[in-house]
Structure formats: C-alpha cells, structure tokens
C-alpha cells in the first residue's frame, strides 16, 4: 500500500510547515520524526 512517490509528495508538503526533530525532544511547534521497524526484509537496507 506504500507508494514511494506519494510519500515523497506528502513529505515535501510537510517540510513546508514542520521541522525534523528527535522524537524525545518534542518541542513547541509542528515537528516530525521517523520510525523504522526492522524485519528480515529490510534489516540490510537500514543504512540505505
């Protein structure tokens, strides 16, 4: 269901309003972070 290009399009819009920050800092304002769940399918792609 994930579509790479839809993801990129939505990320570009989020970048217009939000700041990338660590999940634990959670400061005032609109921010975002990422969560990467590791499985046998993507463990070797973490660094990519």
ModelCIF file with pLDDT and N, C-alpha, C, O atoms, coordinates in Angstrom:
data_MODEL
#
_entry.id   MODEL 
#
_entity.id                         1 
_entity.type                       polymer 
_entity.pdbx_number_of_molecules   1 
#
_entity_poly.entity_id                      1 
_entity_poly.type                           'polypeptide(L)' 
_entity_poly.nstd_linkage                   no 
_entity_poly.nstd_monomer                   no 
_entity_poly.pdbx_seq_one_letter_code       
;(UNK)(UNK)(UNK)(UNK)(UNK)(UNK)(UNK)(UNK)(UNK)(UNK)(UNK)(UNK)(UNK)(UNK)(UNK)(UNK)
(UNK)(UNK)(UNK)(UNK)(UNK)(UNK)(UNK)(UNK)(UNK)(UNK)(UNK)(UNK)(UNK)(UNK)(UNK)(UNK)
(UNK)(UNK)(UNK)(UNK)(UNK)(UNK)(UNK)(UNK)(UNK)(UNK)(UNK)(UNK)(UNK)(UNK)(UNK)(UNK)
;
_entity_poly.pdbx_seq_one_letter_code_can   XXXXXXXXXXXXXXXXXXXXXXXXXXXXXXXXXXXXXXXXXXXXXXXX 
_entity_poly.pdbx_strand_id                 A 
#
loop_
_entity_poly_seq.entity_id 
_entity_poly_seq.num 
_entity_poly_seq.mon_id 
_entity_poly_seq.hetero 
1 1  UNK n 
1 2  UNK n 
1 3  UNK n 
1 4  UNK n 
1 5  UNK n 
1 6  UNK n 
1 7  UNK n 
1 8  UNK n 
1 9  UNK n 
1 10 UNK n 
1 11 UNK n 
1 12 UNK n 
1 13 UNK n 
1 14 UNK n 
1 15 UNK n 
1 16 UNK n 
1 17 UNK n 
1 18 UNK n 
1 19 UNK n 
1 20 UNK n 
1 21 UNK n 
1 22 UNK n 
1 23 UNK n 
1 24 UNK n 
1 25 UNK n 
1 26 UNK n 
1 27 UNK n 
1 28 UNK n 
1 29 UNK n 
1 30 UNK n 
1 31 UNK n 
1 32 UNK n 
1 33 UNK n 
1 34 UNK n 
1 35 UNK n 
1 36 UNK n 
1 37 UNK n 
1 38 UNK n 
1 39 UNK n 
1 40 UNK n 
1 41 UNK n 
1 42 UNK n 
1 43 UNK n 
1 44 UNK n 
1 45 UNK n 
1 46 UNK n 
1 47 UNK n 
1 48 UNK n 
#
_struct_asym.id          A 
_struct_asym.entity_id   1 
#
loop_
_ma_qa_metric.id 
_ma_qa_metric.mode 
_ma_qa_metric.name 
_ma_qa_metric.software_group_id 
_ma_qa_metric.type 
1 global pLDDT . pLDDT 
2 local  pLDDT . pLDDT 
#
_ma_qa_metric_global.metric_id      1 
_ma_qa_metric_global.metric_value   92.27 
_ma_qa_metric_global.model_id       1 
_ma_qa_metric_global.ordinal_id     1 
#
loop_
_ma_qa_metric_local.label_asym_id 
_ma_qa_metric_local.label_comp_id 
_ma_qa_metric_local.label_seq_id 
_ma_qa_metric_local.metric_id 
_ma_qa_metric_local.metric_value 
_ma_qa_metric_local.model_id 
_ma_qa_metric_local.ordinal_id 
A UNK 1  2 95.00 1 1  
A UNK 2  2 97.00 1 2  
A UNK 3  2 97.00 1 3  
A UNK 4  2 98.00 1 4  
A UNK 5  2 97.00 1 5  
A UNK 6  2 97.00 1 6  
A UNK 7  2 98.00 1 7  
A UNK 8  2 98.00 1 8  
A UNK 9  2 97.00 1 9  
A UNK 10 2 97.00 1 10 
A UNK 11 2 97.00 1 11 
A UNK 12 2 96.00 1 12 
A UNK 13 2 96.00 1 13 
A UNK 14 2 96.00 1 14 
A UNK 15 2 95.00 1 15 
A UNK 16 2 95.00 1 16 
A UNK 17 2 95.00 1 17 
A UNK 18 2 94.00 1 18 
A UNK 19 2 92.00 1 19 
A UNK 20 2 93.00 1 20 
A UNK 21 2 86.00 1 21 
A UNK 22 2 77.00 1 22 
A UNK 23 2 63.00 1 23 
A UNK 24 2 65.00 1 24 
A UNK 25 2 65.00 1 25 
A UNK 26 2 65.00 1 26 
A UNK 27 2 75.00 1 27 
A UNK 28 2 85.00 1 28 
A UNK 29 2 90.00 1 29 
A UNK 30 2 93.00 1 30 
A UNK 31 2 94.00 1 31 
A UNK 32 2 96.00 1 32 
A UNK 33 2 95.00 1 33 
A UNK 34 2 97.00 1 34 
A UNK 35 2 96.00 1 35 
A UNK 36 2 98.00 1 36 
A UNK 37 2 97.00 1 37 
A UNK 38 2 98.00 1 38 
A UNK 39 2 98.00 1 39 
A UNK 40 2 97.00 1 40 
A UNK 41 2 97.00 1 41 
A UNK 42 2 98.00 1 42 
A UNK 43 2 98.00 1 43 
A UNK 44 2 96.00 1 44 
A UNK 45 2 97.00 1 45 
A UNK 46 2 98.00 1 46 
A UNK 47 2 98.00 1 47 
A UNK 48 2 97.00 1 48 
#
loop_
_atom_site.group_PDB 
_atom_site.id 
_atom_site.type_symbol 
_atom_site.label_atom_id 
_atom_site.label_alt_id 
_atom_site.label_comp_id 
_atom_site.label_asym_id 
_atom_site.label_entity_id 
_atom_site.label_seq_id 
_atom_site.pdbx_PDB_ins_code 
_atom_site.Cartn_x 
_atom_site.Cartn_y 
_atom_site.Cartn_z 
_atom_site.occupancy 
_atom_site.B_iso_or_equiv 
_atom_site.pdbx_formal_charge 
_atom_site.auth_seq_id 
_atom_site.auth_comp_id 
_atom_site.auth_asym_id 
_atom_site.auth_atom_id 
_atom_site.pdbx_PDB_model_num 
ATOM 1   N N  . UNK A 1 1  ? 0.827  -1.206 0.000  1.00 95.00 ? 1  UNK A N  1 
ATOM 2   C CA . UNK A 1 1  ? 0.000  0.000  0.000  1.00 95.00 ? 1  UNK A CA 1 
ATOM 3   C C  . UNK A 1 1  ? 0.859  1.253  0.000  1.00 95.00 ? 1  UNK A C  1 
ATOM 4   O O  . UNK A 1 1  ? 0.408  2.319  -0.419 1.00 95.00 ? 1  UNK A O  1 
ATOM 5   N N  . UNK A 1 2  ? 2.093  1.129  0.468  1.00 97.00 ? 2  UNK A N  1 
ATOM 6   C CA . UNK A 1 2  ? 3.037  2.248  0.439  1.00 97.00 ? 2  UNK A CA 1 
ATOM 7   C C  . UNK A 1 2  ? 3.402  2.553  -1.005 1.00 97.00 ? 2  UNK A C  1 
ATOM 8   O O  . UNK A 1 2  ? 3.717  1.653  -1.783 1.00 97.00 ? 2  UNK A O  1 
ATOM 9   N N  . UNK A 1 3  ? 3.357  3.820  -1.348 1.00 97.00 ? 3  UNK A N  1 
ATOM 10  C CA . UNK A 1 3  ? 3.786  4.271  -2.666 1.00 97.00 ? 3  UNK A CA 1 
ATOM 11  C C  . UNK A 1 3  ? 4.891  5.294  -2.473 1.00 97.00 ? 3  UNK A C  1 
ATOM 12  O O  . UNK A 1 3  ? 4.675  6.349  -1.875 1.00 97.00 ? 3  UNK A O  1 
ATOM 13  N N  . UNK A 1 4  ? 6.060  4.983  -2.974 1.00 98.00 ? 4  UNK A N  1 
ATOM 14  C CA . UNK A 1 4  ? 7.222  5.842  -2.730 1.00 98.00 ? 4  UNK A CA 1 
ATOM 15  C C  . UNK A 1 4  ? 6.962  7.282  -3.156 1.00 98.00 ? 4  UNK A C  1 
ATOM 16  O O  . UNK A 1 4  ? 7.316  8.209  -2.427 1.00 98.00 ? 4  UNK A O  1 
ATOM 17  N N  . UNK A 1 5  ? 6.359  7.484  -4.306 1.00 97.00 ? 5  UNK A N  1 
ATOM 18  C CA . UNK A 1 5  ? 6.223  8.843  -4.834 1.00 97.00 ? 5  UNK A CA 1 
ATOM 19  C C  . UNK A 1 5  ? 5.122  9.633  -4.119 1.00 97.00 ? 5  UNK A C  1 
ATOM 20  O O  . UNK A 1 5  ? 5.207  10.856 -4.013 1.00 97.00 ? 5  UNK A O  1 
ATOM 21  N N  . UNK A 1 6  ? 4.093  8.939  -3.631 1.00 97.00 ? 6  UNK A N  1 
ATOM 22  C CA . UNK A 1 6  ? 3.098  9.604  -2.781 1.00 97.00 ? 6  UNK A CA 1 
ATOM 23  C C  . UNK A 1 6  ? 3.746  10.043 -1.474 1.00 97.00 ? 6  UNK A C  1 
ATOM 24  O O  . UNK A 1 6  ? 3.494  11.142 -0.982 1.00 97.00 ? 6  UNK A O  1 
ATOM 25  N N  . UNK A 1 7  ? 4.580  9.174  -0.921 1.00 98.00 ? 7  UNK A N  1 
ATOM 26  C CA . UNK A 1 7  ? 5.304  9.507  0.305  1.00 98.00 ? 7  UNK A CA 1 
ATOM 27  C C  . UNK A 1 7  ? 6.162  10.750 0.111  1.00 98.00 ? 7  UNK A C  1 
ATOM 28  O O  . UNK A 1 7  ? 6.141  11.656 0.945  1.00 98.00 ? 7  UNK A O  1 
ATOM 29  N N  . UNK A 1 8  ? 6.909  10.799 -0.975 1.00 98.00 ? 8  UNK A N  1 
ATOM 30  C CA . UNK A 1 8  ? 7.771  11.948 -1.250 1.00 98.00 ? 8  UNK A CA 1 
ATOM 31  C C  . UNK A 1 8  ? 6.940  13.219 -1.411 1.00 98.00 ? 8  UNK A C  1 
ATOM 32  O O  . UNK A 1 8  ? 7.313  14.269 -0.890 1.00 98.00 ? 8  UNK A O  1 
ATOM 33  N N  . UNK A 1 9  ? 5.818  13.136 -2.127 1.00 97.00 ? 9  UNK A N  1 
ATOM 34  C CA . UNK A 1 9  ? 4.948  14.301 -2.321 1.00 97.00 ? 9  UNK A CA 1 
ATOM 35  C C  . UNK A 1 9  ? 4.438  14.834 -0.985 1.00 97.00 ? 9  UNK A C  1 
ATOM 36  O O  . UNK A 1 9  ? 4.462  16.042 -0.751 1.00 97.00 ? 9  UNK A O  1 
ATOM 37  N N  . UNK A 1 10 ? 3.978  13.946 -0.111 1.00 97.00 ? 10 UNK A N  1 
ATOM 38  C CA . UNK A 1 10 ? 3.471  14.383 1.183  1.00 97.00 ? 10 UNK A CA 1 
ATOM 39  C C  . UNK A 1 10 ? 4.587  14.911 2.079  1.00 97.00 ? 10 UNK A C  1 
ATOM 40  O O  . UNK A 1 10 ? 4.376  15.849 2.848  1.00 97.00 ? 10 UNK A O  1 
ATOM 41  N N  . UNK A 1 11 ? 5.776  14.309 1.983  1.00 97.00 ? 11 UNK A N  1 
ATOM 42  C CA . UNK A 1 11 ? 6.904  14.808 2.770  1.00 97.00 ? 11 UNK A CA 1 
ATOM 43  C C  . UNK A 1 11 ? 7.279  16.218 2.348  1.00 97.00 ? 11 UNK A C  1 
ATOM 44  O O  . UNK A 1 11 ? 7.618  17.041 3.199  1.00 97.00 ? 11 UNK A O  1 
ATOM 45  N N  . UNK A 1 12 ? 7.227  16.514 1.067  1.00 96.00 ? 12 UNK A N  1 
ATOM 46  C CA . UNK A 1 12 ? 7.556  17.861 0.601  1.00 96.00 ? 12 UNK A CA 1 
ATOM 47  C C  . UNK A 1 12 ? 6.581  18.887 1.181  1.00 96.00 ? 12 UNK A C  1 
ATOM 48  O O  . UNK A 1 12 ? 6.980  19.999 1.526  1.00 96.00 ? 12 UNK A O  1 
ATOM 49  N N  . UNK A 1 13 ? 5.303  18.513 1.288  1.00 96.00 ? 13 UNK A N  1 
ATOM 50  C CA . UNK A 1 13 ? 4.317  19.420 1.880  1.00 96.00 ? 13 UNK A CA 1 
ATOM 51  C C  . UNK A 1 13 ? 4.560  19.584 3.382  1.00 96.00 ? 13 UNK A C  1 
ATOM 52  O O  . UNK A 1 13 ? 4.461  20.690 3.912  1.00 96.00 ? 13 UNK A O  1 
ATOM 53  N N  . UNK A 1 14 ? 4.877  18.484 4.062  1.00 96.00 ? 14 UNK A N  1 
ATOM 54  C CA . UNK A 1 14 ? 5.169  18.562 5.499  1.00 96.00 ? 14 UNK A CA 1 
ATOM 55  C C  . UNK A 1 14 ? 6.374  19.463 5.753  1.00 96.00 ? 14 UNK A C  1 
ATOM 56  O O  . UNK A 1 14 ? 6.393  20.224 6.720  1.00 96.00 ? 14 UNK A O  1 
ATOM 57  N N  . UNK A 1 15 ? 7.376  19.375 4.886  1.00 95.00 ? 15 UNK A N  1 
ATOM 58  C CA . UNK A 1 15 ? 8.578  20.197 5.048  1.00 95.00 ? 15 UNK A CA 1 
ATOM 59  C C  . UNK A 1 15 ? 8.277  21.691 5.000  1.00 95.00 ? 15 UNK A C  1 
ATOM 60  O O  . UNK A 1 15 ? 9.031  22.490 5.557  1.00 95.00 ? 15 UNK A O  1 
ATOM 61  N N  . UNK A 1 16 ? 7.185  22.079 4.343  1.00 95.00 ? 16 UNK A N  1 
ATOM 62  C CA . UNK A 1 16 ? 6.810  23.491 4.269  1.00 95.00 ? 16 UNK A CA 1 
ATOM 63  C C  . UNK A 1 16 ? 6.310  24.032 5.602  1.00 95.00 ? 16 UNK A C  1 
ATOM 64  O O  . UNK A 1 16 ? 6.240  25.246 5.793  1.00 95.00 ? 16 UNK A O  1 
ATOM 65  N N  . UNK A 1 17 ? 5.963  23.135 6.527  1.00 95.00 ? 17 UNK A N  1 
ATOM 66  C CA . UNK A 1 17 ? 5.333  23.571 7.772  1.00 95.00 ? 17 UNK A CA 1 
ATOM 67  C C  . UNK A 1 17 ? 6.023  23.054 9.034  1.00 95.00 ? 17 UNK A C  1 
ATOM 68  O O  . UNK A 1 17 ? 5.932  23.683 10.088 1.00 95.00 ? 17 UNK A O  1 
ATOM 69  N N  . UNK A 1 18 ? 6.711  21.919 8.937  1.00 94.00 ? 18 UNK A N  1 
ATOM 70  C CA . UNK A 1 18 ? 7.211  21.238 10.129 1.00 94.00 ? 18 UNK A CA 1 
ATOM 71  C C  . UNK A 1 18 ? 8.726  21.132 10.114 1.00 94.00 ? 18 UNK A C  1 
ATOM 72  O O  . UNK A 1 18 ? 9.373  21.280 9.077  1.00 94.00 ? 18 UNK A O  1 
ATOM 73  N N  . UNK A 1 19 ? 9.271  20.872 11.296 1.00 92.00 ? 19 UNK A N  1 
ATOM 74  C CA . UNK A 1 19 ? 10.713 20.775 11.487 1.00 92.00 ? 19 UNK A CA 1 
ATOM 75  C C  . UNK A 1 19 ? 11.090 19.345 11.848 1.00 92.00 ? 19 UNK A C  1 
ATOM 76  O O  . UNK A 1 19 ? 10.417 18.740 12.683 1.00 92.00 ? 19 UNK A O  1 
ATOM 77  N N  . UNK A 1 20 ? 12.136 18.779 11.255 1.00 93.00 ? 20 UNK A N  1 
ATOM 78  C CA . UNK A 1 20 ? 12.574 17.437 11.657 1.00 93.00 ? 20 UNK A CA 1 
ATOM 79  C C  . UNK A 1 20 ? 13.322 17.492 12.981 1.00 93.00 ? 20 UNK A C  1 
ATOM 80  O O  . UNK A 1 20 ? 14.326 18.191 13.113 1.00 93.00 ? 20 UNK A O  1 
ATOM 81  N N  . UNK A 1 21 ? 12.825 16.752 13.949 1.00 86.00 ? 21 UNK A N  1 
ATOM 82  C CA . UNK A 1 21 ? 13.433 16.749 15.276 1.00 86.00 ? 21 UNK A CA 1 
ATOM 83  C C  . UNK A 1 21 ? 13.413 15.339 15.845 1.00 86.00 ? 21 UNK A C  1 
ATOM 84  O O  . UNK A 1 21 ? 12.759 14.453 15.296 1.00 86.00 ? 21 UNK A O  1 
ATOM 85  N N  . UNK A 1 22 ? 14.119 15.134 16.931 1.00 77.00 ? 22 UNK A N  1 
ATOM 86  C CA . UNK A 1 22 ? 14.105 13.822 17.567 1.00 77.00 ? 22 UNK A CA 1 
ATOM 87  C C  . UNK A 1 22 ? 12.762 13.605 18.242 1.00 77.00 ? 22 UNK A C  1 
ATOM 88  O O  . UNK A 1 22 ? 12.120 14.557 18.686 1.00 77.00 ? 22 UNK A O  1 
ATOM 89  N N  . UNK A 1 23 ? 12.343 12.353 18.319 1.00 63.00 ? 23 UNK A N  1 
ATOM 90  C CA . UNK A 1 23 ? 11.045 12.033 18.898 1.00 63.00 ? 23 UNK A CA 1 
ATOM 91  C C  . UNK A 1 23 ? 10.983 12.368 20.377 1.00 63.00 ? 23 UNK A C  1 
ATOM 92  O O  . UNK A 1 23 ? 9.903  12.636 20.905 1.00 63.00 ? 23 UNK A O  1 
ATOM 93  N N  . UNK A 1 24 ? 12.131 12.357 21.057 1.00 65.00 ? 24 UNK A N  1 
ATOM 94  C CA . UNK A 1 24 ? 12.124 12.611 22.502 1.00 65.00 ? 24 UNK A CA 1 
ATOM 95  C C  . UNK A 1 24 ? 12.153 14.090 22.843 1.00 65.00 ? 24 UNK A C  1 
ATOM 96  O O  . UNK A 1 24 ? 11.798 14.459 23.962 1.00 65.00 ? 24 UNK A O  1 
ATOM 97  N N  . UNK A 1 25 ? 12.562 14.950 21.919 1.00 65.00 ? 25 UNK A N  1 
ATOM 98  C CA . UNK A 1 25 ? 12.634 16.377 22.249 1.00 65.00 ? 25 UNK A CA 1 
ATOM 99  C C  . UNK A 1 25 ? 11.248 17.009 22.279 1.00 65.00 ? 25 UNK A C  1 
ATOM 100 O O  . UNK A 1 25 ? 10.947 17.788 23.183 1.00 65.00 ? 25 UNK A O  1 
ATOM 101 N N  . UNK A 1 26 ? 10.404 16.687 21.312 1.00 65.00 ? 26 UNK A N  1 
ATOM 102 C CA . UNK A 1 26 ? 9.012  17.103 21.261 1.00 65.00 ? 26 UNK A CA 1 
ATOM 103 C C  . UNK A 1 26 ? 8.818  18.551 21.732 1.00 65.00 ? 26 UNK A C  1 
ATOM 104 O O  . UNK A 1 26 ? 8.114  18.778 22.716 1.00 65.00 ? 26 UNK A O  1 
ATOM 105 N N  . UNK A 1 27 ? 9.422  19.529 21.057 1.00 75.00 ? 27 UNK A N  1 
ATOM 106 C CA . UNK A 1 27 ? 9.322  20.919 21.482 1.00 75.00 ? 27 UNK A CA 1 
ATOM 107 C C  . UNK A 1 27 ? 8.009  21.540 21.029 1.00 75.00 ? 27 UNK A C  1 
ATOM 108 O O  . UNK A 1 27 ? 7.226  20.903 20.323 1.00 75.00 ? 27 UNK A O  1 
ATOM 109 N N  . UNK A 1 28 ? 7.768  22.783 21.434 1.00 85.00 ? 28 UNK A N  1 
ATOM 110 C CA . UNK A 1 28 ? 6.613  23.503 20.917 1.00 85.00 ? 28 UNK A CA 1 
ATOM 111 C C  . UNK A 1 28 ? 6.716  23.589 19.398 1.00 85.00 ? 28 UNK A C  1 
ATOM 112 O O  . UNK A 1 28 ? 7.806  23.652 18.829 1.00 85.00 ? 28 UNK A O  1 
ATOM 113 N N  . UNK A 1 29 ? 5.556  23.588 18.766 1.00 90.00 ? 29 UNK A N  1 
ATOM 114 C CA . UNK A 1 29 ? 5.528  23.733 17.321 1.00 90.00 ? 29 UNK A CA 1 
ATOM 115 C C  . UNK A 1 29 ? 5.151  22.439 16.618 1.00 90.00 ? 29 UNK A C  1 
ATOM 116 O O  . UNK A 1 29 ? 4.721  21.475 17.250 1.00 90.00 ? 29 UNK A O  1 
ATOM 117 N N  . UNK A 1 30 ? 5.315  22.432 15.333 1.00 93.00 ? 30 UNK A N  1 
ATOM 118 C CA . UNK A 1 30 ? 4.946  21.327 14.468 1.00 93.00 ? 30 UNK A CA 1 
ATOM 119 C C  . UNK A 1 30 ? 6.233  20.645 14.017 1.00 93.00 ? 30 UNK A C  1 
ATOM 120 O O  . UNK A 1 30 ? 7.069  21.265 13.360 1.00 93.00 ? 30 UNK A O  1 
ATOM 121 N N  . UNK A 1 31 ? 6.393  19.384 14.365 1.00 94.00 ? 31 UNK A N  1 
ATOM 122 C CA . UNK A 1 31 ? 7.637  18.678 14.046 1.00 94.00 ? 31 UNK A CA 1 
ATOM 123 C C  . UNK A 1 31 ? 7.332  17.254 13.607 1.00 94.00 ? 31 UNK A C  1 
ATOM 124 O O  . UNK A 1 31 ? 6.195  16.788 13.687 1.00 94.00 ? 31 UNK A O  1 
ATOM 125 N N  . UNK A 1 32 ? 8.363  16.582 13.145 1.00 96.00 ? 32 UNK A N  1 
ATOM 126 C CA . UNK A 1 32 ? 8.185  15.188 12.742 1.00 96.00 ? 32 UNK A CA 1 
ATOM 127 C C  . UNK A 1 32 ? 9.463  14.409 12.988 1.00 96.00 ? 32 UNK A C  1 
ATOM 128 O O  . UNK A 1 32 ? 10.557 14.967 13.068 1.00 96.00 ? 32 UNK A O  1 
ATOM 129 N N  . UNK A 1 33 ? 9.290  13.109 13.105 1.00 95.00 ? 33 UNK A N  1 
ATOM 130 C CA . UNK A 1 33 ? 10.411 12.175 13.164 1.00 95.00 ? 33 UNK A CA 1 
ATOM 131 C C  . UNK A 1 33 ? 9.982  10.924 12.406 1.00 95.00 ? 33 UNK A C  1 
ATOM 132 O O  . UNK A 1 33 ? 8.843  10.827 11.949 1.00 95.00 ? 33 UNK A O  1 
ATOM 133 N N  . UNK A 1 34 ? 10.891 9.978  12.277 1.00 97.00 ? 34 UNK A N  1 
ATOM 134 C CA . UNK A 1 34 ? 10.586 8.737  11.574 1.00 97.00 ? 34 UNK A CA 1 
ATOM 135 C C  . UNK A 1 34 ? 10.713 7.546  12.511 1.00 97.00 ? 34 UNK A C  1 
ATOM 136 O O  . UNK A 1 34 ? 11.503 7.547  13.456 1.00 97.00 ? 34 UNK A O  1 
ATOM 137 N N  . UNK A 1 35 ? 9.906  6.526  12.217 1.00 96.00 ? 35 UNK A N  1 
ATOM 138 C CA . UNK A 1 35 ? 10.012 5.250  12.918 1.00 96.00 ? 35 UNK A CA 1 
ATOM 139 C C  . UNK A 1 35 ? 10.267 4.155  11.893 1.00 96.00 ? 35 UNK A C  1 
ATOM 140 O O  . UNK A 1 35 ? 9.488  3.969  10.958 1.00 96.00 ? 35 UNK A O  1 
ATOM 141 N N  . UNK A 1 36 ? 11.352 3.443  12.078 1.00 98.00 ? 36 UNK A N  1 
ATOM 142 C CA . UNK A 1 36 ? 11.764 2.384  11.167 1.00 98.00 ? 36 UNK A CA 1 
ATOM 143 C C  . UNK A 1 36 ? 11.657 1.062  11.914 1.00 98.00 ? 36 UNK A C  1 
ATOM 144 O O  . UNK A 1 36 ? 12.403 0.815  12.861 1.00 98.00 ? 36 UNK A O  1 
ATOM 145 N N  . UNK A 1 37 ? 10.725 0.211  11.484 1.00 97.00 ? 37 UNK A N  1 
ATOM 146 C CA . UNK A 1 37 ? 10.549 -1.088 12.117 1.00 97.00 ? 37 UNK A CA 1 
ATOM 147 C C  . UNK A 1 37 ? 11.332 -2.131 11.327 1.00 97.00 ? 37 UNK A C  1 
ATOM 148 O O  . UNK A 1 37 ? 11.112 -2.316 10.130 1.00 97.00 ? 37 UNK A O  1 
ATOM 149 N N  . UNK A 1 38 ? 12.231 -2.794 12.000 1.00 98.00 ? 38 UNK A N  1 
ATOM 150 C CA . UNK A 1 38 ? 13.170 -3.694 11.348 1.00 98.00 ? 38 UNK A CA 1 
ATOM 151 C C  . UNK A 1 38 ? 12.630 -5.120 11.306 1.00 98.00 ? 38 UNK A C  1 
ATOM 152 O O  . UNK A 1 38 ? 12.221 -5.679 12.323 1.00 98.00 ? 38 UNK A O  1 
ATOM 153 N N  . UNK A 1 39 ? 12.638 -5.691 10.110 1.00 98.00 ? 39 UNK A N  1 
ATOM 154 C CA . UNK A 1 39 ? 12.247 -7.084 9.896  1.00 98.00 ? 39 UNK A CA 1 
ATOM 155 C C  . UNK A 1 39 ? 13.317 -7.774 9.069  1.00 98.00 ? 39 UNK A C  1 
ATOM 156 O O  . UNK A 1 39 ? 14.328 -7.167 8.715  1.00 98.00 ? 39 UNK A O  1 
ATOM 157 N N  . UNK A 1 40 ? 13.092 -9.034 8.766  1.00 97.00 ? 40 UNK A N  1 
ATOM 158 C CA . UNK A 1 40 ? 14.055 -9.750 7.934  1.00 97.00 ? 40 UNK A CA 1 
ATOM 159 C C  . UNK A 1 40 ? 14.138 -9.161 6.537  1.00 97.00 ? 40 UNK A C  1 
ATOM 160 O O  . UNK A 1 40 ? 15.124 -9.377 5.833  1.00 97.00 ? 40 UNK A O  1 
ATOM 161 N N  . UNK A 1 41 ? 13.112 -8.418 6.123  1.00 97.00 ? 41 UNK A N  1 
ATOM 162 C CA . UNK A 1 41 ? 13.056 -7.901 4.760  1.00 97.00 ? 41 UNK A CA 1 
ATOM 163 C C  . UNK A 1 41 ? 13.846 -6.605 4.569  1.00 97.00 ? 41 UNK A C  1 
ATOM 164 O O  . UNK A 1 41 ? 14.300 -6.316 3.462  1.00 97.00 ? 41 UNK A O  1 
ATOM 165 N N  . UNK A 1 42 ? 14.013 -5.826 5.638  1.00 98.00 ? 42 UNK A N  1 
ATOM 166 C CA . UNK A 1 42 ? 14.642 -4.514 5.465  1.00 98.00 ? 42 UNK A CA 1 
ATOM 167 C C  . UNK A 1 42 ? 15.865 -4.283 6.340  1.00 98.00 ? 42 UNK A C  1 
ATOM 168 O O  . UNK A 1 42 ? 16.437 -3.193 6.318  1.00 98.00 ? 42 UNK A O  1 
ATOM 169 N N  . UNK A 1 43 ? 16.278 -5.288 7.112  1.00 98.00 ? 43 UNK A N  1 
ATOM 170 C CA . UNK A 1 43 ? 17.388 -5.058 8.039  1.00 98.00 ? 43 UNK A CA 1 
ATOM 171 C C  . UNK A 1 43 ? 18.669 -4.684 7.293  1.00 98.00 ? 43 UNK A C  1 
ATOM 172 O O  . UNK A 1 43 ? 19.459 -3.881 7.789  1.00 98.00 ? 43 UNK A O  1 
ATOM 173 N N  . UNK A 1 44 ? 18.878 -5.251 6.124  1.00 96.00 ? 44 UNK A N  1 
ATOM 174 C CA . UNK A 1 44 ? 20.114 -4.950 5.392  1.00 96.00 ? 44 UNK A CA 1 
ATOM 175 C C  . UNK A 1 44 ? 20.024 -3.643 4.604  1.00 96.00 ? 44 UNK A C  1 
ATOM 176 O O  . UNK A 1 44 ? 20.986 -3.247 3.946  1.00 96.00 ? 44 UNK A O  1 
ATOM 177 N N  . UNK A 1 45 ? 18.862 -2.969 4.671  1.00 97.00 ? 45 UNK A N  1 
ATOM 178 C CA . UNK A 1 45 ? 18.680 -1.706 3.958  1.00 97.00 ? 45 UNK A CA 1 
ATOM 179 C C  . UNK A 1 45 ? 18.639 -0.499 4.897  1.00 97.00 ? 45 UNK A C  1 
ATOM 180 O O  . UNK A 1 45 ? 18.380 0.620  4.453  1.00 97.00 ? 45 UNK A O  1 
ATOM 181 N N  . UNK A 1 46 ? 18.889 -0.712 6.176  1.00 98.00 ? 46 UNK A N  1 
ATOM 182 C CA . UNK A 1 46 ? 18.819 0.382  7.152  1.00 98.00 ? 46 UNK A CA 1 
ATOM 183 C C  . UNK A 1 46 ? 19.717 1.543  6.740  1.00 98.00 ? 46 UNK A C  1 
ATOM 184 O O  . UNK A 1 46 ? 19.286 2.695  6.774  1.00 98.00 ? 46 UNK A O  1 
ATOM 185 N N  . UNK A 1 47 ? 20.929 1.265  6.361  1.00 98.00 ? 47 UNK A N  1 
ATOM 186 C CA . UNK A 1 47 ? 21.888 2.333  6.068  1.00 98.00 ? 47 UNK A CA 1 
ATOM 187 C C  . UNK A 1 47 ? 21.577 3.018  4.741  1.00 98.00 ? 47 UNK A C  1 
ATOM 188 O O  . UNK A 1 47 ? 21.890 4.195  4.563  1.00 98.00 ? 47 UNK A O  1 
ATOM 189 N N  . UNK A 1 48 ? 20.958 2.283  3.800  1.00 97.00 ? 48 UNK A N  1 
ATOM 190 C CA . UNK A 1 48 ? 20.473 2.922  2.572  1.00 97.00 ? 48 UNK A CA 1 
ATOM 191 C C  . UNK A 1 48 ? 19.359 3.910  2.894  1.00 97.00 ? 48 UNK A C  1 
ATOM 192 O O  . UNK A 1 48 ? 18.821 4.549  1.990  1.00 97.00 ? 48 UNK A O  1 
#
